[in-house]
Amino acid sequence: MNKSIDMKHSIGVGENGEPYIFKTTNNQRIPNNEPVILFRGRDKLALPLLRIYKQMCEEDGCTPFQLQSMEEMILRFERFADSSPTMKQPGITNGA
């Protein structure tokens, strides 16, 4: 079973039961030693950061696929923020 993260990435489970992240468009696994980051919808700073990142993508001439992916992620975060009472400052729960 796979869990979609965004338009480009998903989490899968290998034959050994270990989870892995892969690029959905070509099934390429992200190496375990490559840093990744995850922002949750309840992180009140994630949405402004995504908007800045999308602007940087536009300024850098990123592909329409990347821009569409960012727009979709921004919409998902906006919908969540509008309907969630659980918005919080990142790290406020000290990892709990």
PDB file of N, CA and C in Angstrom:
ATOM      1  N   MET A   1       0.845  -1.183   0.000  1.00  0.00           N
ATOM      2  CA  MET A   1       0.000   0.000   0.000  1.00  0.00           C
ATOM      3  C   MET A   1       0.889   1.244   0.000  1.00  0.00           C
ATOM      4  N   ASN A   2       0.542   2.220  -0.815  1.00  0.00           N
ATOM      5  CA  ASN A   2       1.291   3.469  -0.906  1.00  0.00           C
ATOM      6  C   ASN A   2       0.476   4.616  -0.320  1.00  0.00           C
ATOM      7  N   LYS A   3       1.174   5.580   0.253  1.00  0.00           N
ATOM      8  CA  LYS A   3       0.555   6.794   0.795  1.00  0.00           C
ATOM      9  C   LYS A   3       1.107   7.978   0.011  1.00  0.00           C
ATOM     10  N   SER A   4       0.225   8.696  -0.675  1.00  0.00           N
ATOM     11  CA  SER A   4       0.638   9.855  -1.444  1.00  0.00           C
ATOM     12  C   SER A   4       0.982  11.008  -0.513  1.00  0.00           C
ATOM     13  N   ILE A   5       2.128  11.661  -0.794  1.00  0.00           N
ATOM     14  CA  ILE A   5       2.528  12.847  -0.050  1.00  0.00           C
ATOM     15  C   ILE A   5       2.104  14.098  -0.815  1.00  0.00           C
ATOM     16  N   ASP A   6       2.411  14.119  -2.093  1.00  0.00           N
ATOM     17  CA  ASP A   6       2.035  15.217  -2.979  1.00  0.00           C
ATOM     18  C   ASP A   6       1.944  14.659  -4.394  1.00  0.00           C
ATOM     19  N   MET A   7       1.910  15.531  -5.403  1.00  0.00           N
ATOM     20  CA  MET A   7       1.771  15.061  -6.781  1.00  0.00           C
ATOM     21  C   MET A   7       3.009  14.303  -7.259  1.00  0.00           C
ATOM     22  N   LYS A   8       4.117  14.449  -6.556  1.00  0.00           N
ATOM     23  CA  LYS A   8       5.373  13.870  -7.026  1.00  0.00           C
ATOM     24  C   LYS A   8       5.939  12.769  -6.142  1.00  0.00           C
ATOM     25  N   HIS A   9       5.492  12.651  -4.909  1.00  0.00           N
ATOM     26  CA  HIS A   9       6.125  11.727  -3.965  1.00  0.00           C
ATOM     27  C   HIS A   9       5.099  10.908  -3.188  1.00  0.00           C
ATOM     28  N   SER A  10       5.498   9.679  -2.886  1.00  0.00           N
ATOM     29  CA  SER A  10       4.663   8.786  -2.087  1.00  0.00           C
ATOM     30  C   SER A  10       5.549   7.993  -1.144  1.00  0.00           C
ATOM     31  N   ILE A  11       4.893   7.366  -0.172  1.00  0.00           N
ATOM     32  CA  ILE A  11       5.575   6.463   0.745  1.00  0.00           C
ATOM     33  C   ILE A  11       5.101   5.054   0.421  1.00  0.00           C
ATOM     34  N   GLY A  12       6.049   4.159   0.278  1.00  0.00           N
ATOM     35  CA  GLY A  12       5.740   2.758   0.036  1.00  0.00           C
ATOM     36  C   GLY A  12       6.336   1.912   1.137  1.00  0.00           C
ATOM     37  N   VAL A  13       6.026   0.619   1.097  1.00  0.00           N
ATOM     38  CA  VAL A  13       6.587  -0.327   2.057  1.00  0.00           C
ATOM     39  C   VAL A  13       7.259  -1.433   1.259  1.00  0.00           C
ATOM     40  N   GLY A  14       8.549  -1.639   1.541  1.00  0.00           N
ATOM     41  CA  GLY A  14       9.310  -2.659   0.834  1.00  0.00           C
ATOM     42  C   GLY A  14       8.952  -4.058   1.282  1.00  0.00           C
ATOM     43  N   GLU A  15       9.497  -5.043   0.573  1.00  0.00           N
ATOM     44  CA  GLU A  15       9.240  -6.445   0.898  1.00  0.00           C
ATOM     45  C   GLU A  15       9.670  -6.789   2.320  1.00  0.00           C
ATOM     46  N   ASN A  16      10.674  -6.057   2.824  1.00  0.00           N
ATOM     47  CA  ASN A  16      11.155  -6.298   4.183  1.00  0.00           C
ATOM     48  C   ASN A  16      10.326  -5.563   5.234  1.00  0.00           C
ATOM     49  N   GLY A  17       9.275  -4.854   4.799  1.00  0.00           N
ATOM     50  CA  GLY A  17       8.419  -4.121   5.724  1.00  0.00           C
ATOM     51  C   GLY A  17       8.899  -2.719   6.044  1.00  0.00           C
ATOM     52  N   GLU A  18      10.058  -2.333   5.498  1.00  0.00           N
ATOM     53  CA  GLU A  18      10.621  -1.004   5.747  1.00  0.00           C
ATOM     54  C   GLU A  18       9.969   0.024   4.826  1.00  0.00           C
ATOM     55  N   PRO A  19       9.569   1.171   5.371  1.00  0.00           N
ATOM     56  CA  PRO A  19       9.000   2.224   4.524  1.00  0.00           C
ATOM     57  C   PRO A  19      10.091   2.919   3.711  1.00  0.00           C
ATOM     58  N   TYR A  20       9.686   3.452   2.569  1.00  0.00           N
ATOM     59  CA  TYR A  20      10.592   4.230   1.734  1.00  0.00           C
ATOM     60  C   TYR A  20       9.788   5.300   1.008  1.00  0.00           C
ATOM     61  N   ILE A  21      10.457   6.378   0.618  1.00  0.00           N
ATOM     62  CA  ILE A  21       9.831   7.456  -0.139  1.00  0.00           C
ATOM     63  C   ILE A  21      10.270   7.308  -1.587  1.00  0.00           C
ATOM     64  N   PHE A  22       9.339   7.479  -2.515  1.00  0.00           N
ATOM     65  CA  PHE A  22       9.690   7.372  -3.923  1.00  0.00           C
ATOM     66  C   PHE A  22       9.004   8.448  -4.746  1.00  0.00           C
ATOM     67  N   LYS A  23       9.623   8.746  -5.886  1.00  0.00           N
ATOM     68  CA  LYS A  23       9.071   9.704  -6.836  1.00  0.00           C
ATOM     69  C   LYS A  23       7.968   8.995  -7.617  1.00  0.00           C
ATOM     70  N   THR A  24       6.762   9.506  -7.516  1.00  0.00           N
ATOM     71  CA  THR A  24       5.594   8.847  -8.081  1.00  0.00           C
ATOM     72  C   THR A  24       5.657   8.750  -9.604  1.00  0.00           C
ATOM     73  N   THR A  25       6.251   9.744 -10.257  1.00  0.00           N
ATOM     74  CA  THR A  25       6.243   9.773 -11.724  1.00  0.00           C
ATOM     75  C   THR A  25       7.103   8.686 -12.360  1.00  0.00           C
ATOM     76  N   ASN A  26       8.141   8.209 -11.636  1.00  0.00           N
ATOM     77  CA  ASN A  26       8.997   7.183 -12.233  1.00  0.00           C
ATOM     78  C   ASN A  26       9.380   6.058 -11.251  1.00  0.00           C
ATOM     79  N   ASN A  27       8.763   6.042 -10.088  1.00  0.00           N
ATOM     80  CA  ASN A  27       9.009   5.021  -9.056  1.00  0.00           C
ATOM     81  C   ASN A  27      10.442   5.005  -8.530  1.00  0.00           C
ATOM     82  N   GLN A  28      11.197   6.070  -8.752  1.00  0.00           N
ATOM     83  CA  GLN A  28      12.569   6.135  -8.266  1.00  0.00           C
ATOM     84  C   GLN A  28      12.568   6.383  -6.762  1.00  0.00           C
ATOM     85  N   ARG A  29      13.259   5.532  -6.028  1.00  0.00           N
ATOM     86  CA  ARG A  29      13.356   5.686  -4.576  1.00  0.00           C
ATOM     87  C   ARG A  29      14.299   6.830  -4.236  1.00  0.00           C
ATOM     88  N   ILE A  30      13.947   7.565  -3.199  1.00  0.00           N
ATOM     89  CA  ILE A  30      14.842   8.585  -2.666  1.00  0.00           C
ATOM     90  C   ILE A  30      15.820   7.870  -1.738  1.00  0.00           C
ATOM     91  N   PRO A  31      17.108   8.026  -1.979  1.00  0.00           N
ATOM     92  CA  PRO A  31      18.088   7.318  -1.136  1.00  0.00           C
ATOM     93  C   PRO A  31      17.937   7.682   0.343  1.00  0.00           C
ATOM     94  N   ASN A  32      18.193   6.729   1.203  1.00  0.00           N
ATOM     95  CA  ASN A  32      18.060   6.944   2.648  1.00  0.00           C
ATOM     96  C   ASN A  32      18.975   8.048   3.159  1.00  0.00           C
ATOM     97  N   ASN A  33      20.094   8.289   2.482  1.00  0.00           N
ATOM     98  CA  ASN A  33      21.020   9.312   2.953  1.00  0.00           C
ATOM     99  C   ASN A  33      20.721  10.705   2.386  1.00  0.00           C
ATOM    100  N   GLU A  34      19.670  10.825   1.564  1.00  0.00           N
ATOM    101  CA  GLU A  34      19.290  12.138   1.024  1.00  0.00           C
ATOM    102  C   GLU A  34      18.318  12.817   1.985  1.00  0.00           C
ATOM    103  N   PRO A  35      18.637  14.023   2.450  1.00  0.00           N
ATOM    104  CA  PRO A  35      17.727  14.714   3.374  1.00  0.00           C
ATOM    105  C   PRO A  35      16.383  15.024   2.711  1.00  0.00           C
ATOM    106  N   VAL A  36      15.336  14.890   3.471  1.00  0.00           N
ATOM    107  CA  VAL A  36      13.988  15.275   3.053  1.00  0.00           C
ATOM    108  C   VAL A  36      13.354  16.058   4.198  1.00  0.00           C
ATOM    109  N   ILE A  37      12.293  16.772   3.887  1.00  0.00           N
ATOM    110  CA  ILE A  37      11.596  17.530   4.927  1.00  0.00           C
ATOM    111  C   ILE A  37      10.098  17.358   4.716  1.00  0.00           C
ATOM    112  N   LEU A  38       9.364  17.388   5.798  1.00  0.00           N
ATOM    113  CA  LEU A  38       7.919  17.232   5.745  1.00  0.00           C
ATOM    114  C   LEU A  38       7.283  18.346   6.575  1.00  0.00           C
ATOM    115  N   PHE A  39       6.331  19.042   5.984  1.00  0.00           N
ATOM    116  CA  PHE A  39       5.566  20.048   6.714  1.00  0.00           C
ATOM    117  C   PHE A  39       4.147  19.534   6.865  1.00  0.00           C
ATOM    118  N   ARG A  40       3.636  19.592   8.070  1.00  0.00           N
ATOM    119  CA  ARG A  40       2.257  19.171   8.316  1.00  0.00           C
ATOM    120  C   ARG A  40       1.302  20.326   8.086  1.00  0.00           C
ATOM    121  N   GLY A  41       0.068  19.987   7.766  1.00  0.00           N
ATOM    122  CA  GLY A  41      -0.956  20.995   7.528  1.00  0.00           C
ATOM    123  C   GLY A  41      -1.216  21.876   8.732  1.00  0.00           C
ATOM    124  N   ARG A  42      -1.026  21.369   9.928  1.00  0.00           N
ATOM    125  CA  ARG A  42      -1.325  22.157  11.128  1.00  0.00           C
ATOM    126  C   ARG A  42      -0.210  23.132  11.507  1.00  0.00           C
ATOM    127  N   ASP A  43       0.920  23.080  10.798  1.00  0.00           N
ATOM    128  CA  ASP A  43       2.034  24.002  11.038  1.00  0.00           C
ATOM    129  C   ASP A  43       1.651  25.369  10.471  1.00  0.00           C
ATOM    130  N   LYS A  44       1.440  26.345  11.348  1.00  0.00           N
ATOM    131  CA  LYS A  44       0.932  27.645  10.892  1.00  0.00           C
ATOM    132  C   LYS A  44       1.924  28.410  10.027  1.00  0.00           C
ATOM    133  N   LEU A  45       3.188  28.003  10.006  1.00  0.00           N
ATOM    134  CA  LEU A  45       4.189  28.664   9.168  1.00  0.00           C
ATOM    135  C   LEU A  45       4.366  27.981   7.807  1.00  0.00           C
ATOM    136  N   ALA A  46       3.811  26.790   7.643  1.00  0.00           N
ATOM    137  CA  ALA A  46       4.001  26.034   6.398  1.00  0.00           C
ATOM    138  C   ALA A  46       3.371  26.735   5.191  1.00  0.00           C
ATOM    139  N   LEU A  47       2.154  27.230   5.335  1.00  0.00           N
ATOM    140  CA  LEU A  47       1.467  27.858   4.199  1.00  0.00           C
ATOM    141  C   LEU A  47       2.200  29.095   3.698  1.00  0.00           C
ATOM    142  N   PRO A  48       2.610  30.026   4.559  1.00  0.00           N
ATOM    143  CA  PRO A  48       3.379  31.158   4.046  1.00  0.00           C
ATOM    144  C   PRO A  48       4.697  30.718   3.394  1.00  0.00           C
ATOM    145  N   LEU A  49       5.317  29.693   3.949  1.00  0.00           N
ATOM    146  CA  LEU A  49       6.553  29.185   3.362  1.00  0.00           C
ATOM    147  C   LEU A  49       6.312  28.594   1.977  1.00  0.00           C
ATOM    148  N   LEU A  50       5.230  27.850   1.817  1.00  0.00           N
ATOM    149  CA  LEU A  50       4.902  27.276   0.511  1.00  0.00           C
ATOM    150  C   LEU A  50       4.657  28.363  -0.532  1.00  0.00           C
ATOM    151  N   ARG A  51       4.020  29.431  -0.121  1.00  0.00           N
ATOM    152  CA  ARG A  51       3.770  30.546  -1.054  1.00  0.00           C
ATOM    153  C   ARG A  51       5.095  31.186  -1.506  1.00  0.00           C
ATOM    154  N   ILE A  52       6.009  31.358  -0.578  1.00  0.00           N
ATOM    155  CA  ILE A  52       7.325  31.915  -0.918  1.00  0.00           C
ATOM    156  C   ILE A  52       8.073  30.953  -1.836  1.00  0.00           C
ATOM    157  N   TYR A  53       8.026  29.679  -1.532  1.00  0.00           N
ATOM    158  CA  TYR A  53       8.711  28.686  -2.350  1.00  0.00           C
ATOM    159  C   TYR A  53       8.149  28.666  -3.770  1.00  0.00           C
ATOM    160  N   LYS A  54       6.825  28.752  -3.892  1.00  0.00           N
ATOM    161  CA  LYS A  54       6.213  28.777  -5.231  1.00  0.00           C
ATOM    162  C   LYS A  54       6.695  30.003  -6.006  1.00  0.00           C
ATOM    163  N   GLN A  55       6.766  31.143  -5.340  1.00  0.00           N
ATOM    164  CA  GLN A  55       7.256  32.356  -5.994  1.00  0.00           C
ATOM    165  C   GLN A  55       8.701  32.156  -6.457  1.00  0.00           C
ATOM    166  N   MET A  56       9.515  31.529  -5.635  1.00  0.00           N
ATOM    167  CA  MET A  56      10.898  31.246  -6.018  1.00  0.00           C
ATOM    168  C   MET A  56      10.951  30.305  -7.221  1.00  0.00           C
ATOM    169  N   CYS A  57      10.046  29.331  -7.254  1.00  0.00           N
ATOM    170  CA  CYS A  57       9.977  28.412  -8.399  1.00  0.00           C
ATOM    171  C   CYS A  57       9.638  29.177  -9.677  1.00  0.00           C
ATOM    172  N   GLU A  58       8.675  30.088  -9.574  1.00  0.00           N
ATOM    173  CA  GLU A  58       8.305  30.900 -10.734  1.00  0.00           C
ATOM    174  C   GLU A  58       9.488  31.728 -11.219  1.00  0.00           C
ATOM    175  N   GLU A  59      10.170  32.375 -10.285  1.00  0.00           N
ATOM    176  CA  GLU A  59      11.308  33.226 -10.633  1.00  0.00           C
ATOM    177  C   GLU A  59      12.463  32.428 -11.231  1.00  0.00           C
ATOM    178  N   ASP A  60      12.574  31.167 -10.855  1.00  0.00           N
ATOM    179  CA  ASP A  60      13.653  30.322 -11.356  1.00  0.00           C
ATOM    180  C   ASP A  60      13.283  29.640 -12.676  1.00  0.00           C
ATOM    181  N   GLY A  61      12.038  29.818 -13.133  1.00  0.00           N
ATOM    182  CA  GLY A  61      11.618  29.220 -14.395  1.00  0.00           C
ATOM    183  C   GLY A  61      11.321  27.738 -14.311  1.00  0.00           C
ATOM    184  N   CYS A  62      10.829  27.285 -13.169  1.00  0.00           N
ATOM    185  CA  CYS A  62      10.506  25.866 -13.005  1.00  0.00           C
ATOM    186  C   CYS A  62       9.421  25.430 -14.001  1.00  0.00           C
ATOM    187  N   THR A  63       9.320  24.143 -14.184  1.00  0.00           N
ATOM    188  CA  THR A  63       8.384  23.569 -15.146  1.00  0.00           C
ATOM    189  C   THR A  63       6.935  23.817 -14.726  1.00  0.00           C
ATOM    190  N   PRO A  64       6.022  23.792 -15.694  1.00  0.00           N
ATOM    191  CA  PRO A  64       4.600  23.905 -15.345  1.00  0.00           C
ATOM    192  C   PRO A  64       4.154  22.811 -14.372  1.00  0.00           C
ATOM    193  N   PHE A  65       4.725  21.618 -14.486  1.00  0.00           N
ATOM    194  CA  PHE A  65       4.369  20.534 -13.562  1.00  0.00           C
ATOM    195  C   PHE A  65       4.719  20.916 -12.129  1.00  0.00           C
ATOM    196  N   GLN A  66       5.909  21.488 -11.919  1.00  0.00           N
ATOM    197  CA  GLN A  66       6.319  21.910 -10.578  1.00  0.00           C
ATOM    198  C   GLN A  66       5.408  23.010 -10.055  1.00  0.00           C
ATOM    199  N   LEU A  67       5.092  23.977 -10.897  1.00  0.00           N
ATOM    200  CA  LEU A  67       4.230  25.085 -10.469  1.00  0.00           C
ATOM    201  C   LEU A  67       2.829  24.581 -10.145  1.00  0.00           C
ATOM    202  N   GLN A  68       2.316  23.658 -10.954  1.00  0.00           N
ATOM    203  CA  GLN A  68       0.999  23.085 -10.690  1.00  0.00           C
ATOM    204  C   GLN A  68       1.021  22.287  -9.393  1.00  0.00           C
ATOM    205  N   SER A  69       2.096  21.550  -9.175  1.00  0.00           N
ATOM    206  CA  SER A  69       2.233  20.781  -7.943  1.00  0.00           C
ATOM    207  C   SER A  69       2.231  21.696  -6.721  1.00  0.00           C
ATOM    208  N   MET A  70       2.946  22.804  -6.816  1.00  0.00           N
ATOM    209  CA  MET A  70       2.982  23.753  -5.701  1.00  0.00           C
ATOM    210  C   MET A  70       1.613  24.396  -5.478  1.00  0.00           C
ATOM    211  N   GLU A  71       0.932  24.751  -6.556  1.00  0.00           N
ATOM    212  CA  GLU A  71      -0.397  25.349  -6.424  1.00  0.00           C
ATOM    213  C   GLU A  71      -1.364  24.380  -5.743  1.00  0.00           C
ATOM    214  N   GLU A  72      -1.303  23.114  -6.130  1.00  0.00           N
ATOM    215  CA  GLU A  72      -2.168  22.104  -5.513  1.00  0.00           C
ATOM    216  C   GLU A  72      -1.839  21.952  -4.024  1.00  0.00           C
ATOM    217  N   MET A  73      -0.574  21.947  -3.691  1.00  0.00           N
ATOM    218  CA  MET A  73      -0.194  21.803  -2.286  1.00  0.00           C
ATOM    219  C   MET A  73      -0.656  23.014  -1.480  1.00  0.00           C
ATOM    220  N   ILE A  74      -0.511  24.197  -2.037  1.00  0.00           N
ATOM    221  CA  ILE A  74      -0.977  25.415  -1.365  1.00  0.00           C
ATOM    222  C   ILE A  74      -2.482  25.341  -1.124  1.00  0.00           C
ATOM    223  N   LEU A  75      -3.233  24.908  -2.126  1.00  0.00           N
ATOM    224  CA  LEU A  75      -4.689  24.775  -1.968  1.00  0.00           C
ATOM    225  C   LEU A  75      -5.034  23.765  -0.878  1.00  0.00           C
ATOM    226  N   ARG A  76      -4.319  22.648  -0.841  1.00  0.00           N
ATOM    227  CA  ARG A  76      -4.578  21.644   0.195  1.00  0.00           C
ATOM    228  C   ARG A  76      -4.298  22.209   1.583  1.00  0.00           C
ATOM    229  N   PHE A  77      -3.205  22.952   1.730  1.00  0.00           N
ATOM    230  CA  PHE A  77      -2.873  23.551   3.020  1.00  0.00           C
ATOM    231  C   PHE A  77      -3.887  24.637   3.392  1.00  0.00           C
ATOM    232  N   GLU A  78      -4.344  25.430   2.426  1.00  0.00           N
ATOM    233  CA  GLU A  78      -5.350  26.463   2.698  1.00  0.00           C
ATOM    234  C   GLU A  78      -6.650  25.835   3.182  1.00  0.00           C
ATOM    235  N   ARG A  79      -7.098  24.785   2.495  1.00  0.00           N
ATOM    236  CA  ARG A  79      -8.343  24.110   2.896  1.00  0.00           C
ATOM    237  C   ARG A  79      -8.226  23.563   4.313  1.00  0.00           C
ATOM    238  N   PHE A  80      -7.096  22.973   4.607  1.00  0.00           N
ATOM    239  CA  PHE A  80      -6.893  22.415   5.947  1.00  0.00           C
ATOM    240  C   PHE A  80      -6.907  23.524   6.998  1.00  0.00           C
ATOM    241  N   ALA A  81      -6.174  24.592   6.742  1.00  0.00           N
ATOM    242  CA  ALA A  81      -6.091  25.701   7.709  1.00  0.00           C
ATOM    243  C   ALA A  81      -7.461  26.324   7.953  1.00  0.00           C
ATOM    244  N   ASP A  82      -8.271  26.421   6.900  1.00  0.00           N
ATOM    245  CA  ASP A  82      -9.598  27.023   7.021  1.00  0.00           C
ATOM    246  C   ASP A  82     -10.553  26.165   7.843  1.00  0.00           C
ATOM    247  N   SER A  83     -10.299  24.867   7.900  1.00  0.00           N
ATOM    248  CA  SER A  83     -11.242  23.974   8.574  1.00  0.00           C
ATOM    249  C   SER A  83     -10.690  23.326   9.841  1.00  0.00           C
ATOM    250  N   SER A  84      -9.467  23.677  10.225  1.00  0.00           N
ATOM    251  CA  SER A  84      -8.840  22.978  11.346  1.00  0.00           C
ATOM    252  C   SER A  84      -8.672  23.859  12.574  1.00  0.00           C
ATOM    253  N   PRO A  85      -9.091  23.342  13.721  1.00  0.00           N
ATOM    254  CA  PRO A  85      -8.827  24.052  14.978  1.00  0.00           C
ATOM    255  C   PRO A  85      -7.454  23.692  15.553  1.00  0.00           C
ATOM    256  N   THR A  86      -6.670  22.891  14.827  1.00  0.00           N
ATOM    257  CA  THR A  86      -5.411  22.379  15.379  1.00  0.00           C
ATOM    258  C   THR A  86      -4.171  23.100  14.853  1.00  0.00           C
ATOM    259  N   MET A  87      -4.324  24.285  14.260  1.00  0.00           N
ATOM    260  CA  MET A  87      -3.155  25.018  13.781  1.00  0.00           C
ATOM    261  C   MET A  87      -2.270  25.373  14.971  1.00  0.00           C
ATOM    262  N   LYS A  88      -0.944  25.242  14.768  1.00  0.00           N
ATOM    263  CA  LYS A  88      -0.051  25.493  15.904  1.00  0.00           C
ATOM    264  C   LYS A  88       1.298  25.994  15.435  1.00  0.00           C
ATOM    265  N   GLN A  89       2.039  26.532  16.367  1.00  0.00           N
ATOM    266  CA  GLN A  89       3.411  26.952  16.117  1.00  0.00           C
ATOM    267  C   GLN A  89       4.269  25.685  15.988  1.00  0.00           C
ATOM    268  N   PRO A  90       5.183  25.649  15.013  1.00  0.00           N
ATOM    269  CA  PRO A  90       6.009  24.449  14.881  1.00  0.00           C
ATOM    270  C   PRO A  90       6.880  24.239  16.119  1.00  0.00           C
ATOM    271  N   GLY A  91       6.953  22.997  16.559  1.00  0.00           N
ATOM    272  CA  GLY A  91       7.802  22.636  17.696  1.00  0.00           C
ATOM    273  C   GLY A  91       7.199  22.908  19.060  1.00  0.00           C
ATOM    274  N   ILE A  92       5.999  23.486  19.111  1.00  0.00           N
ATOM    275  CA  ILE A  92       5.399  23.865  20.383  1.00  0.00           C
ATOM    276  C   ILE A  92       5.156  22.651  21.293  1.00  0.00           C
ATOM    277  N   THR A  93       4.941  21.482  20.686  1.00  0.00           N
ATOM    278  CA  THR A  93       4.676  20.283  21.487  1.00  0.00           C
ATOM    279  C   THR A  93       5.954  19.503  21.778  1.00  0.00           C
ATOM    280  N   ASN A  94       7.100  20.057  21.395  1.00  0.00           N
ATOM    281  CA  ASN A  94       8.397  19.397  21.658  1.00  0.00           C
ATOM    282  C   ASN A  94       8.447  17.970  21.143  1.00  0.00           C
ATOM    283  N   GLY A  95       7.832  17.733  20.000  1.00  0.00           N
ATOM    284  CA  GLY A  95       7.870  16.406  19.387  1.00  0.00           C
ATOM    285  C   GLY A  95       6.841  15.438  19.932  1.00  0.00           C
ATOM    286  N   ALA A  96       6.013  15.862  20.856  1.00  0.00           N
ATOM    287  CA  ALA A  96       5.010  14.972  21.438  1.00  0.00           C
ATOM    288  C   ALA A  96       3.764  14.932  20.582  1.00  0.00           C
TER     289      ALA A  96
END
